[in-house]
Amino acid sequence: LDTDTDGLSDSEELNEYLTRPLWPDSDGDGLWDGSEVKSHLTDPNEADSDGDGFSDASEIDHLTDPNDGLSKPQVLM
């Protein structure tokens, strides 16, 4: 059963990843939990897995690595 249809079963969410089985995006970063775990290898409970100040979704959108704190989107001034 995958109540929130995020790609992780309710059992995986409750027992393995400690995410919310009723919310498809437990950390609110714009990536669904299943995508974080299975595709991007990011933390579904941390909006910014590498702690560099950019959300995981922002890094995916800008083609940078959400698991590498030195890989950041370029900010235009």
C-alpha atoms as a PDB file:
ATOM      1  CA  LEU A   1       0.000   0.000   0.000  1.00  0.00           C
ATOM      2  CA  ASP A   2       1.293   3.469  -0.966  1.00  0.00           C
ATOM      3  CA  THR A   3      -1.351   5.837   0.415  1.00  0.00           C
ATOM      4  CA  ASP A   4       0.279   9.063  -0.834  1.00  0.00           C
ATOM      5  CA  THR A   5       1.401   7.537  -4.175  1.00  0.00           C
ATOM      6  CA  ASP A   6       4.951   8.876  -3.777  1.00  0.00           C
ATOM      7  CA  GLY A   7       6.718   5.679  -4.807  1.00  0.00           C
ATOM      8  CA  LEU A   8       7.411   4.345  -1.307  1.00  0.00           C
ATOM      9  CA  SER A   9       5.118   1.878   0.388  1.00  0.00           C
ATOM     10  CA  ASP A  10       3.538   2.910   3.673  1.00  0.00           C
ATOM     11  CA  SER A  11       5.626   0.221   5.340  1.00  0.00           C
ATOM     12  CA  GLU A  12       8.872   1.646   3.875  1.00  0.00           C
ATOM     13  CA  GLU A  13       7.876   5.138   4.978  1.00  0.00           C
ATOM     14  CA  LEU A  14       7.026   4.105   8.524  1.00  0.00           C
ATOM     15  CA  ASN A  15       9.730   1.521   9.155  1.00  0.00           C
ATOM     16  CA  GLU A  16      12.695   2.311   6.918  1.00  0.00           C
ATOM     17  CA  TYR A  17      12.765   5.989   5.939  1.00  0.00           C
ATOM     18  CA  LEU A  18      10.690   7.471   8.782  1.00  0.00           C
ATOM     19  CA  THR A  19       8.788   9.668   6.328  1.00  0.00           C
ATOM     20  CA  ARG A  20       5.103  10.554   6.326  1.00  0.00           C
ATOM     21  CA  PRO A  21       2.912   8.027   4.497  1.00  0.00           C
ATOM     22  CA  LEU A  22       0.159  10.607   3.928  1.00  0.00           C
ATOM     23  CA  TRP A  23       2.458  13.318   2.477  1.00  0.00           C
ATOM     24  CA  PRO A  24       4.202  12.585  -0.836  1.00  0.00           C
ATOM     25  CA  ASP A  25       6.941  15.163  -0.074  1.00  0.00           C
ATOM     26  CA  SER A  26       7.791  14.760   3.624  1.00  0.00           C
ATOM     27  CA  ASP A  27      10.451  17.504   3.722  1.00  0.00           C
ATOM     28  CA  GLY A  28       8.611  19.960   1.455  1.00  0.00           C
ATOM     29  CA  ASP A  29      11.514  20.447  -0.947  1.00  0.00           C
ATOM     30  CA  GLY A  30       9.573  19.773  -4.138  1.00  0.00           C
ATOM     31  CA  LEU A  31      10.753  16.189  -4.674  1.00  0.00           C
ATOM     32  CA  TRP A  32       8.526  13.284  -3.775  1.00  0.00           C
ATOM     33  CA  ASP A  33       9.908  10.868  -1.201  1.00  0.00           C
ATOM     34  CA  GLY A  34      10.166   7.944  -3.606  1.00  0.00           C
ATOM     35  CA  SER A  35      12.102  10.037  -6.106  1.00  0.00           C
ATOM     36  CA  GLU A  36      14.501  11.205  -3.403  1.00  0.00           C
ATOM     37  CA  VAL A  37      15.187   7.672  -2.191  1.00  0.00           C
ATOM     38  CA  LYS A  38      15.197   5.781  -5.495  1.00  0.00           C
ATOM     39  CA  SER A  39      16.434   8.281  -8.099  1.00  0.00           C
ATOM     40  CA  HIS A  40      18.392  11.086  -6.454  1.00  0.00           C
ATOM     41  CA  LEU A  41      19.679   9.274  -3.346  1.00  0.00           C
ATOM     42  CA  THR A  42      18.811  12.325  -1.231  1.00  0.00           C
ATOM     43  CA  ASP A  43      17.324  12.448   2.263  1.00  0.00           C
ATOM     44  CA  PRO A  44      13.512  12.575   2.084  1.00  0.00           C
ATOM     45  CA  ASN A  45      13.468  14.169   5.541  1.00  0.00           C
ATOM     46  CA  GLU A  46      15.919  17.003   4.710  1.00  0.00           C
ATOM     47  CA  ALA A  47      14.971  19.687   2.184  1.00  0.00           C
ATOM     48  CA  ASP A  48      18.689  20.434   1.657  1.00  0.00           C
ATOM     49  CA  SER A  49      20.468  17.080   1.856  1.00  0.00           C
ATOM     50  CA  ASP A  50      23.985  18.489   1.477  1.00  0.00           C
ATOM     51  CA  GLY A  51      23.453  21.576   3.665  1.00  0.00           C
ATOM     52  CA  ASP A  52      24.655  24.101   1.077  1.00  0.00           C
ATOM     53  CA  GLY A  53      21.641  26.405   1.292  1.00  0.00           C
ATOM     54  CA  PHE A  54      19.906  25.150  -1.870  1.00  0.00           C
ATOM     55  CA  SER A  55      16.975  22.738  -1.748  1.00  0.00           C
ATOM     56  CA  ASP A  56      17.355  19.325  -3.324  1.00  0.00           C
ATOM     57  CA  ALA A  57      14.749  20.200  -5.961  1.00  0.00           C
ATOM     58  CA  SER A  58      16.529  23.451  -6.828  1.00  0.00           C
ATOM     59  CA  GLU A  59      19.775  21.572  -7.324  1.00  0.00           C
ATOM     60  CA  ILE A  60      18.088  18.953  -9.520  1.00  0.00           C
ATOM     61  CA  ASP A  61      16.479  21.750 -11.571  1.00  0.00           C
ATOM     62  CA  HIS A  62      19.872  23.477 -12.008  1.00  0.00           C
ATOM     63  CA  LEU A  63      21.699  20.222 -12.788  1.00  0.00           C
ATOM     64  CA  THR A  64      23.908  20.392  -9.689  1.00  0.00           C
ATOM     65  CA  ASP A  65      24.485  17.568  -7.212  1.00  0.00           C
ATOM     66  CA  PRO A  66      22.118  17.730  -4.199  1.00  0.00           C
ATOM     67  CA  ASN A  67      24.498  15.418  -2.307  1.00  0.00           C
ATOM     68  CA  ASP A  68      27.629  17.563  -2.753  1.00  0.00           C
ATOM     69  CA  GLY A  69      27.877  20.785  -0.738  1.00  0.00           C
ATOM     70  CA  LEU A  70      30.431  22.162  -3.207  1.00  0.00           C
ATOM     71  CA  SER A  71      28.092  21.671  -6.176  1.00  0.00           C
ATOM     72  CA  LYS A  72      25.769  24.684  -6.081  1.00  0.00           C
ATOM     73  CA  PRO A  73      23.531  26.435  -8.582  1.00  0.00           C
ATOM     74  CA  GLN A  74      25.073  29.612  -9.937  1.00  0.00           C
ATOM     75  CA  VAL A  75      23.356  32.682  -8.558  1.00  0.00           C
ATOM     76  CA  LEU A  76      23.166  35.601 -10.963  1.00  0.00           C
ATOM     77  CA  MET A  77      23.679  39.010  -9.398  1.00  0.00           C
END
